[in-house]
Amino acid sequence: MDEDKIHDVFKPKNWNEVKTNNSWMIFKIMAEFVEGFEKMTKIGPCVSIFGSARTKPDNPNYELTVEIAYKLTKIGFGVITGGGPGIMEAGNKGAKMGGGHSIGLNIDLPFEQGNNPYIDHDLSIYFDYFFARKVMFVKYSQGFIVMPGGFGTLDELFEALTLIQTNKIGRFPIILVGKEFWCGLLDFMKNSLLKAGNISEEDFKLFRIVDTADEAIGHIKAFYDKYAIKQNF
């Protein structure tokens, strides 16, 4: 394909219409932020739980997530998840069992089918834009519990680590659950990123890796025994 034909393929039929549509998109984005801020400001301290939507209820990580979420409510935290099935469902289930706030920040994805039944009816918020959704996770969470997951889980984990590392948000506990699952990532970070000089030894202090619910809860409790609970930015 020659250069002129390439330009024809990618040239919009009506460039002014494209620019107008982009301008109107701003209002939809604003609406998502406004709804999120309005609802999330009122819920009090929370911990976000991330992990795979594909985790089945008979998976040990599902039951471990229920236990973690339940125990979080017993030390005064609500639970925020992405609102879908798998680990997210387990997090909301544990929060509901413990009588704490159970929040779902929902988004339509190919591998998920609607929100799970354990979200508080007035705390289910729907997003079209990933970036607006992630702002809510970071702004209103006092900690991240990261269960085994896929690309989305890694995206949320590394966004939080980057924002803390660069001092764009205040530090809060980030806990990876499942040493066997996360050891490969940790080895990569040490043997590739650290050796190349792309991160420092200090960056490994930004997160903890644990195996049990009590270890995860213990780290969060110890952190907030020392520091005040507040929004992250």
C-alpha atoms as a PDB file:
ATOM      1  CA  MET A   1       0.000   0.000   0.000  1.00  0.00           C
ATOM      2  CA  ASP A   2       1.505   3.343  -1.047  1.00  0.00           C
ATOM      3  CA  GLU A   3       1.650   6.398   1.219  1.00  0.00           C
ATOM      4  CA  ASP A   4      -1.350   8.175  -0.359  1.00  0.00           C
ATOM      5  CA  LYS A   5      -3.583   5.116   0.126  1.00  0.00           C
ATOM      6  CA  ILE A   6      -2.480   4.810   3.756  1.00  0.00           C
ATOM      7  CA  HIS A   7      -3.465   8.442   4.350  1.00  0.00           C
ATOM      8  CA  ASP A   8      -6.863   7.792   2.742  1.00  0.00           C
ATOM      9  CA  VAL A   9      -7.517   4.818   5.043  1.00  0.00           C
ATOM     10  CA  PHE A  10      -6.829   6.789   8.211  1.00  0.00           C
ATOM     11  CA  LYS A  11      -8.305  10.127   7.112  1.00  0.00           C
ATOM     12  CA  PRO A  12     -11.640  10.801   8.899  1.00  0.00           C
ATOM     13  CA  LYS A  13     -14.592  11.465   6.596  1.00  0.00           C
ATOM     14  CA  ASN A  14     -15.549  14.503   8.641  1.00  0.00           C
ATOM     15  CA  TRP A  15     -12.761  15.769  10.879  1.00  0.00           C
ATOM     16  CA  ASN A  16     -14.920  18.503  12.420  1.00  0.00           C
ATOM     17  CA  GLU A  17     -17.446  15.880  13.529  1.00  0.00           C
ATOM     18  CA  VAL A  18     -14.679  13.836  15.199  1.00  0.00           C
ATOM     19  CA  LYS A  19     -13.480  16.894  17.132  1.00  0.00           C
ATOM     20  CA  THR A  20     -17.061  17.706  18.226  1.00  0.00           C
ATOM     21  CA  ASN A  21     -17.606  14.162  19.509  1.00  0.00           C
ATOM     22  CA  ASN A  22     -14.377  14.368  21.487  1.00  0.00           C
ATOM     23  CA  SER A  23     -15.526  17.588  23.108  1.00  0.00           C
ATOM     24  CA  TRP A  24     -18.846  16.062  24.201  1.00  0.00           C
ATOM     25  CA  MET A  25     -16.966  13.095  25.679  1.00  0.00           C
ATOM     26  CA  ILE A  26     -15.612  15.460  28.344  1.00  0.00           C
ATOM     27  CA  PHE A  27     -19.068  15.750  29.905  1.00  0.00           C
ATOM     28  CA  LYS A  28     -19.482  11.984  30.131  1.00  0.00           C
ATOM     29  CA  ILE A  29     -16.069  11.722  31.810  1.00  0.00           C
ATOM     30  CA  MET A  30     -17.002  14.518  34.215  1.00  0.00           C
ATOM     31  CA  ALA A  31     -20.246  12.736  35.085  1.00  0.00           C
ATOM     32  CA  GLU A  32     -18.344   9.577  36.057  1.00  0.00           C
ATOM     33  CA  PHE A  33     -16.009  11.533  38.311  1.00  0.00           C
ATOM     34  CA  VAL A  34     -18.862  13.484  39.919  1.00  0.00           C
ATOM     35  CA  GLU A  35     -20.898  10.366  40.702  1.00  0.00           C
ATOM     36  CA  GLY A  36     -17.831   8.591  42.030  1.00  0.00           C
ATOM     37  CA  PHE A  37     -16.731  11.475  44.240  1.00  0.00           C
ATOM     38  CA  GLU A  38     -20.266  12.020  45.559  1.00  0.00           C
ATOM     39  CA  LYS A  39     -20.752   8.409  46.613  1.00  0.00           C
ATOM     40  CA  MET A  40     -17.235   7.451  47.682  1.00  0.00           C
ATOM     41  CA  THR A  41     -16.644  10.450  49.933  1.00  0.00           C
ATOM     42  CA  LYS A  42     -19.351   9.233  52.316  1.00  0.00           C
ATOM     43  CA  ILE A  43     -18.255   5.643  52.911  1.00  0.00           C
ATOM     44  CA  GLY A  44     -15.338   6.016  55.312  1.00  0.00           C
ATOM     45  CA  PRO A  45     -12.085   4.018  55.380  1.00  0.00           C
ATOM     46  CA  CYS A  46     -11.863   1.157  52.887  1.00  0.00           C
ATOM     47  CA  VAL A  47      -9.424  -1.361  51.471  1.00  0.00           C
ATOM     48  CA  SER A  48      -9.522  -2.389  47.815  1.00  0.00           C
ATOM     49  CA  ILE A  49      -9.238  -6.062  46.911  1.00  0.00           C
ATOM     50  CA  PHE A  50      -7.990  -6.963  43.430  1.00  0.00           C
ATOM     51  CA  GLY A  51      -7.721 -10.313  41.697  1.00  0.00           C
ATOM     52  CA  SER A  52      -8.908 -12.449  38.837  1.00  0.00           C
ATOM     53  CA  ALA A  53     -12.527 -12.396  37.692  1.00  0.00           C
ATOM     54  CA  ARG A  54     -11.993 -15.992  36.567  1.00  0.00           C
ATOM     55  CA  THR A  55     -11.407 -17.434  40.032  1.00  0.00           C
ATOM     56  CA  LYS A  56     -14.132 -19.974  40.842  1.00  0.00           C
ATOM     57  CA  PRO A  57     -15.824 -20.313  44.260  1.00  0.00           C
ATOM     58  CA  ASP A  58     -14.125 -23.697  44.816  1.00  0.00           C
ATOM     59  CA  ASN A  59     -10.661 -22.134  44.409  1.00  0.00           C
ATOM     60  CA  PRO A  60      -8.771 -21.723  47.716  1.00  0.00           C
ATOM     61  CA  ASN A  61      -8.018 -18.098  46.778  1.00  0.00           C
ATOM     62  CA  TYR A  62     -11.759 -17.393  46.690  1.00  0.00           C
ATOM     63  CA  GLU A  63     -12.255 -18.556  50.260  1.00  0.00           C
ATOM     64  CA  LEU A  64      -9.074 -16.788  51.373  1.00  0.00           C
ATOM     65  CA  THR A  65     -10.404 -13.542  49.904  1.00  0.00           C
ATOM     66  CA  VAL A  66     -13.722 -13.977  51.734  1.00  0.00           C
ATOM     67  CA  GLU A  67     -11.782 -14.417  54.971  1.00  0.00           C
ATOM     68  CA  ILE A  68      -9.594 -11.369  54.353  1.00  0.00           C
ATOM     69  CA  ALA A  69     -12.571  -9.162  53.517  1.00  0.00           C
ATOM     70  CA  TYR A  70     -14.515 -10.368  56.554  1.00  0.00           C
ATOM     71  CA  LYS A  71     -11.572  -9.650  58.860  1.00  0.00           C
ATOM     72  CA  LEU A  72     -11.092  -6.208  57.306  1.00  0.00           C
ATOM     73  CA  THR A  73     -14.605  -5.258  58.380  1.00  0.00           C
ATOM     74  CA  LYS A  74     -13.804  -6.354  61.928  1.00  0.00           C
ATOM     75  CA  ILE A  75     -11.025  -3.762  62.174  1.00  0.00           C
ATOM     76  CA  GLY A  76     -13.217  -1.003  60.779  1.00  0.00           C
ATOM     77  CA  PHE A  77     -12.691  -1.061  57.006  1.00  0.00           C
ATOM     78  CA  GLY A  78     -15.146  -1.359  54.163  1.00  0.00           C
ATOM     79  CA  VAL A  79     -14.178  -3.285  51.029  1.00  0.00           C
ATOM     80  CA  ILE A  80     -13.944  -1.960  47.476  1.00  0.00           C
ATOM     81  CA  THR A  81     -13.744  -4.307  44.494  1.00  0.00           C
ATOM     82  CA  GLY A  82     -14.259  -4.081  40.762  1.00  0.00           C
ATOM     83  CA  GLY A  83     -17.774  -5.399  41.308  1.00  0.00           C
ATOM     84  CA  GLY A  84     -17.526  -8.485  39.110  1.00  0.00           C
ATOM     85  CA  PRO A  85     -17.211 -12.236  39.717  1.00  0.00           C
ATOM     86  CA  GLY A  86     -14.265 -14.257  41.009  1.00  0.00           C
ATOM     87  CA  ILE A  87     -12.010 -12.576  43.557  1.00  0.00           C
ATOM     88  CA  MET A  88     -14.153  -9.439  43.395  1.00  0.00           C
ATOM     89  CA  GLU A  89     -17.256 -11.383  44.347  1.00  0.00           C
ATOM     90  CA  ALA A  90     -15.357 -13.038  47.191  1.00  0.00           C
ATOM     91  CA  GLY A  91     -14.254  -9.646  48.517  1.00  0.00           C
ATOM     92  CA  ASN A  92     -17.774  -8.256  48.490  1.00  0.00           C
ATOM     93  CA  LYS A  93     -19.128 -11.464  50.022  1.00  0.00           C
ATOM     94  CA  GLY A  94     -16.717 -11.267  52.956  1.00  0.00           C
ATOM     95  CA  ALA A  95     -17.543  -7.604  53.510  1.00  0.00           C
ATOM     96  CA  LYS A  96     -21.268  -8.351  53.495  1.00  0.00           C
ATOM     97  CA  MET A  97     -20.788 -11.227  55.960  1.00  0.00           C
ATOM     98  CA  GLY A  98     -18.886  -8.902  58.275  1.00  0.00           C
ATOM     99  CA  GLY A  99     -21.475  -6.133  58.118  1.00  0.00           C
ATOM    100  CA  GLY A 100     -19.094  -3.620  56.519  1.00  0.00           C
ATOM    101  CA  HIS A 101     -19.521  -1.401  53.479  1.00  0.00           C
ATOM    102  CA  SER A 102     -19.350  -3.481  50.290  1.00  0.00           C
ATOM    103  CA  ILE A 103     -18.569  -1.313  47.255  1.00  0.00           C
ATOM    104  CA  GLY A 104     -18.411  -2.347  43.602  1.00  0.00           C
ATOM    105  CA  LEU A 105     -16.794  -0.169  40.929  1.00  0.00           C
ATOM    106  CA  ASN A 106     -18.211  -1.892  37.886  1.00  0.00           C
ATOM    107  CA  ILE A 107     -17.110  -1.840  34.263  1.00  0.00           C
ATOM    108  CA  ASP A 108     -18.214  -3.971  31.307  1.00  0.00           C
ATOM    109  CA  LEU A 109     -15.498  -6.468  30.356  1.00  0.00           C
ATOM    110  CA  PRO A 110     -15.460  -9.503  28.041  1.00  0.00           C
ATOM    111  CA  PHE A 111     -14.830 -12.029  30.835  1.00  0.00           C
ATOM    112  CA  GLU A 112     -17.268 -10.597  33.368  1.00  0.00           C
ATOM    113  CA  GLN A 113     -21.047 -10.730  33.438  1.00  0.00           C
ATOM    114  CA  GLY A 114     -22.567  -7.931  35.477  1.00  0.00           C
ATOM    115  CA  ASN A 115     -22.087  -7.036  39.095  1.00  0.00           C
ATOM    116  CA  ASN A 116     -22.012  -9.650  41.843  1.00  0.00           C
ATOM    117  CA  PRO A 117     -24.893  -9.989  44.355  1.00  0.00           C
ATOM    118  CA  TYR A 118     -22.900  -8.980  47.454  1.00  0.00           C
ATOM    119  CA  ILE A 119     -22.505  -5.260  46.700  1.00  0.00           C
ATOM    120  CA  ASP A 120     -24.502  -2.777  48.782  1.00  0.00           C
ATOM    121  CA  HIS A 121     -27.370  -1.666  46.555  1.00  0.00           C
ATOM    122  CA  ASP A 122     -26.480   2.030  46.879  1.00  0.00           C
ATOM    123  CA  LEU A 123     -22.722   1.487  46.461  1.00  0.00           C
ATOM    124  CA  SER A 124     -22.611  -0.061  43.003  1.00  0.00           C
ATOM    125  CA  ILE A 125     -21.070   2.488  40.634  1.00  0.00           C
ATOM    126  CA  TYR A 126     -20.731   1.938  36.878  1.00  0.00           C
ATOM    127  CA  PHE A 127     -17.891   3.248  34.723  1.00  0.00           C
ATOM    128  CA  ASP A 128     -17.188   3.328  30.996  1.00  0.00           C
ATOM    129  CA  TYR A 129     -13.652   4.625  31.463  1.00  0.00           C
ATOM    130  CA  PHE A 130     -10.937   2.608  33.157  1.00  0.00           C
ATOM    131  CA  PHE A 131      -9.006   5.709  34.154  1.00  0.00           C
ATOM    132  CA  ALA A 132     -11.961   7.223  36.020  1.00  0.00           C
ATOM    133  CA  ARG A 133     -12.550   3.930  37.808  1.00  0.00           C
ATOM    134  CA  LYS A 134      -8.891   3.651  38.826  1.00  0.00           C
ATOM    135  CA  VAL A 135      -8.937   7.162  40.288  1.00  0.00           C
ATOM    136  CA  MET A 136     -11.691   6.018  42.667  1.00  0.00           C
ATOM    137  CA  PHE A 137      -9.696   2.972  43.743  1.00  0.00           C
ATOM    138  CA  VAL A 138      -6.613   5.029  44.500  1.00  0.00           C
ATOM    139  CA  LYS A 139      -8.262   8.065  46.055  1.00  0.00           C
ATOM    140  CA  TYR A 140     -10.600   6.268  48.448  1.00  0.00           C
ATOM    141  CA  SER A 141      -8.608   3.166  49.439  1.00  0.00           C
ATOM    142  CA  GLN A 142      -6.486   3.037  52.563  1.00  0.00           C
ATOM    143  CA  GLY A 143      -4.841  -0.155  51.367  1.00  0.00           C
ATOM    144  CA  PHE A 144      -4.640  -2.587  48.456  1.00  0.00           C
ATOM    145  CA  ILE A 145      -4.962  -6.353  48.883  1.00  0.00           C
ATOM    146  CA  VAL A 146      -3.740  -7.962  45.653  1.00  0.00           C
ATOM    147  CA  MET A 147      -4.767 -11.554  45.093  1.00  0.00           C
ATOM    148  CA  PRO A 148      -3.577 -13.689  42.147  1.00  0.00           C
ATOM    149  CA  GLY A 149      -4.883 -12.219  38.922  1.00  0.00           C
ATOM    150  CA  GLY A 150      -4.119 -11.273  35.347  1.00  0.00           C
ATOM    151  CA  PHE A 151      -3.378  -8.144  33.336  1.00  0.00           C
ATOM    152  CA  GLY A 152      -6.014  -6.011  35.084  1.00  0.00           C
ATOM    153  CA  THR A 153      -4.703  -6.947  38.515  1.00  0.00           C
ATOM    154  CA  LEU A 154      -1.140  -6.123  37.473  1.00  0.00           C
ATOM    155  CA  ASP A 155      -2.304  -2.833  35.974  1.00  0.00           C
ATOM    156  CA  GLU A 156      -3.893  -1.763  39.265  1.00  0.00           C
ATOM    157  CA  LEU A 157      -0.910  -2.954  41.301  1.00  0.00           C
ATOM    158  CA  PHE A 158       1.723  -1.149  39.244  1.00  0.00           C
ATOM    159  CA  GLU A 159      -0.294   2.043  38.937  1.00  0.00           C
ATOM    160  CA  ALA A 160      -0.440   2.273  42.732  1.00  0.00           C
ATOM    161  CA  LEU A 161       3.257   1.467  43.098  1.00  0.00           C
ATOM    162  CA  THR A 162       4.175   4.085  40.500  1.00  0.00           C
ATOM    163  CA  LEU A 163       2.065   6.808  42.111  1.00  0.00           C
ATOM    164  CA  ILE A 164       3.547   6.119  45.541  1.00  0.00           C
ATOM    165  CA  GLN A 165       7.100   5.817  44.197  1.00  0.00           C
ATOM    166  CA  THR A 166       6.807   9.193  42.457  1.00  0.00           C
ATOM    167  CA  ASN A 167       5.161  10.883  45.465  1.00  0.00           C
ATOM    168  CA  LYS A 168       1.983  11.642  43.534  1.00  0.00           C
ATOM    169  CA  ILE A 169      -0.075  10.073  46.324  1.00  0.00           C
ATOM    170  CA  GLY A 170       0.571   9.302  49.964  1.00  0.00           C
ATOM    171  CA  ARG A 171       1.923   5.909  50.911  1.00  0.00           C
ATOM    172  CA  PHE A 172      -0.524   3.195  51.955  1.00  0.00           C
ATOM    173  CA  PRO A 173      -0.120  -0.557  52.497  1.00  0.00           C
ATOM    174  CA  ILE A 174       0.021  -2.746  49.383  1.00  0.00           C
ATOM    175  CA  ILE A 175      -0.134  -6.445  50.165  1.00  0.00           C
ATOM    176  CA  LEU A 176       0.323  -9.244  47.651  1.00  0.00           C
ATOM    177  CA  VAL A 177      -1.262 -12.489  48.818  1.00  0.00           C
ATOM    178  CA  GLY A 178       0.233 -15.795  47.711  1.00  0.00           C
ATOM    179  CA  LYS A 179       4.010 -16.107  47.847  1.00  0.00           C
ATOM    180  CA  GLU A 180       4.117 -18.983  45.366  1.00  0.00           C
ATOM    181  CA  PHE A 181       2.093 -17.008  42.809  1.00  0.00           C
ATOM    182  CA  TRP A 182       4.018 -13.752  43.176  1.00  0.00           C
ATOM    183  CA  CYS A 183       7.563 -15.143  43.517  1.00  0.00           C
ATOM    184  CA  GLY A 184       8.139 -15.129  39.751  1.00  0.00           C
ATOM    185  CA  LEU A 185       7.240 -11.449  39.512  1.00  0.00           C
ATOM    186  CA  LEU A 186       9.458 -10.667  42.487  1.00  0.00           C
ATOM    187  CA  ASP A 187      12.359 -12.553  40.876  1.00  0.00           C
ATOM    188  CA  PHE A 188      11.867 -10.600  37.644  1.00  0.00           C
ATOM    189  CA  MET A 189      11.886  -7.317  39.532  1.00  0.00           C
ATOM    190  CA  LYS A 190      15.087  -8.247  41.362  1.00  0.00           C
ATOM    191  CA  ASN A 191      16.944  -9.942  38.504  1.00  0.00           C
ATOM    192  CA  SER A 192      15.909  -7.591  35.691  1.00  0.00           C
ATOM    193  CA  LEU A 193      14.516  -4.250  36.882  1.00  0.00           C
ATOM    194  CA  LEU A 194      16.838  -3.827  39.865  1.00  0.00           C
ATOM    195  CA  LYS A 195      19.937  -5.104  38.053  1.00  0.00           C
ATOM    196  CA  ALA A 196      19.277  -2.715  35.178  1.00  0.00           C
ATOM    197  CA  GLY A 197      19.020   0.178  37.619  1.00  0.00           C
ATOM    198  CA  ASN A 198      15.383   0.853  36.733  1.00  0.00           C
ATOM    199  CA  ILE A 199      14.190   0.547  40.340  1.00  0.00           C
ATOM    200  CA  SER A 200      15.950   0.733  43.686  1.00  0.00           C
ATOM    201  CA  GLU A 201      16.136  -1.495  46.753  1.00  0.00           C
ATOM    202  CA  GLU A 202      13.901   0.994  48.548  1.00  0.00           C
ATOM    203  CA  ASP A 203      11.072   0.277  46.116  1.00  0.00           C
ATOM    204  CA  PHE A 204      10.692  -3.228  47.524  1.00  0.00           C
ATOM    205  CA  LYS A 205       9.526  -1.643  50.770  1.00  0.00           C
ATOM    206  CA  LEU A 206       6.425  -0.319  48.998  1.00  0.00           C
ATOM    207  CA  PHE A 207       4.704  -3.710  49.230  1.00  0.00           C
ATOM    208  CA  ARG A 208       4.587  -6.894  51.291  1.00  0.00           C
ATOM    209  CA  ILE A 209       4.021 -10.494  50.198  1.00  0.00           C
ATOM    210  CA  VAL A 210       2.067 -12.749  52.559  1.00  0.00           C
ATOM    211  CA  ASP A 211       0.249 -16.079  52.564  1.00  0.00           C
ATOM    212  CA  THR A 212      -2.486 -15.755  55.175  1.00  0.00           C
ATOM    213  CA  ALA A 213      -5.421 -13.516  55.999  1.00  0.00           C
ATOM    214  CA  ASP A 214      -4.024 -12.755  59.447  1.00  0.00           C
ATOM    215  CA  GLU A 215      -0.707 -11.602  57.958  1.00  0.00           C
ATOM    216  CA  ALA A 216      -2.511  -9.308  55.518  1.00  0.00           C
ATOM    217  CA  ILE A 217      -4.766  -7.825  58.202  1.00  0.00           C
ATOM    218  CA  GLY A 218      -1.822  -7.495  60.575  1.00  0.00           C
ATOM    219  CA  HIS A 219       0.146  -5.352  58.125  1.00  0.00           C
ATOM    220  CA  ILE A 220      -2.777  -3.007  57.546  1.00  0.00           C
ATOM    221  CA  LYS A 221      -3.500  -2.688  61.245  1.00  0.00           C
ATOM    222  CA  ALA A 222       0.172  -2.057  62.070  1.00  0.00           C
ATOM    223  CA  PHE A 223       0.377   0.661  59.401  1.00  0.00           C
ATOM    224  CA  TYR A 224      -2.650   2.545  60.740  1.00  0.00           C
ATOM    225  CA  ASP A 225      -1.537   2.166  64.317  1.00  0.00           C
ATOM    226  CA  LYS A 226       1.290   4.489  63.231  1.00  0.00           C
ATOM    227  CA  TYR A 227      -0.347   6.721  60.599  1.00  0.00           C
ATOM    228  CA  ALA A 228      -3.624   8.632  60.341  1.00  0.00           C
ATOM    229  CA  ILE A 229      -6.301   7.433  57.940  1.00  0.00           C
ATOM    230  CA  LYS A 230      -6.875   9.961  55.165  1.00  0.00           C
ATOM    231  CA  GLN A 231      -7.666  10.214  51.473  1.00  0.00           C
ATOM    232  CA  ASN A 232      -4.640   9.685  49.278  1.00  0.00           C
ATOM    233  CA  PHE A 233      -4.819  12.966  47.336  1.00  0.00           C
END
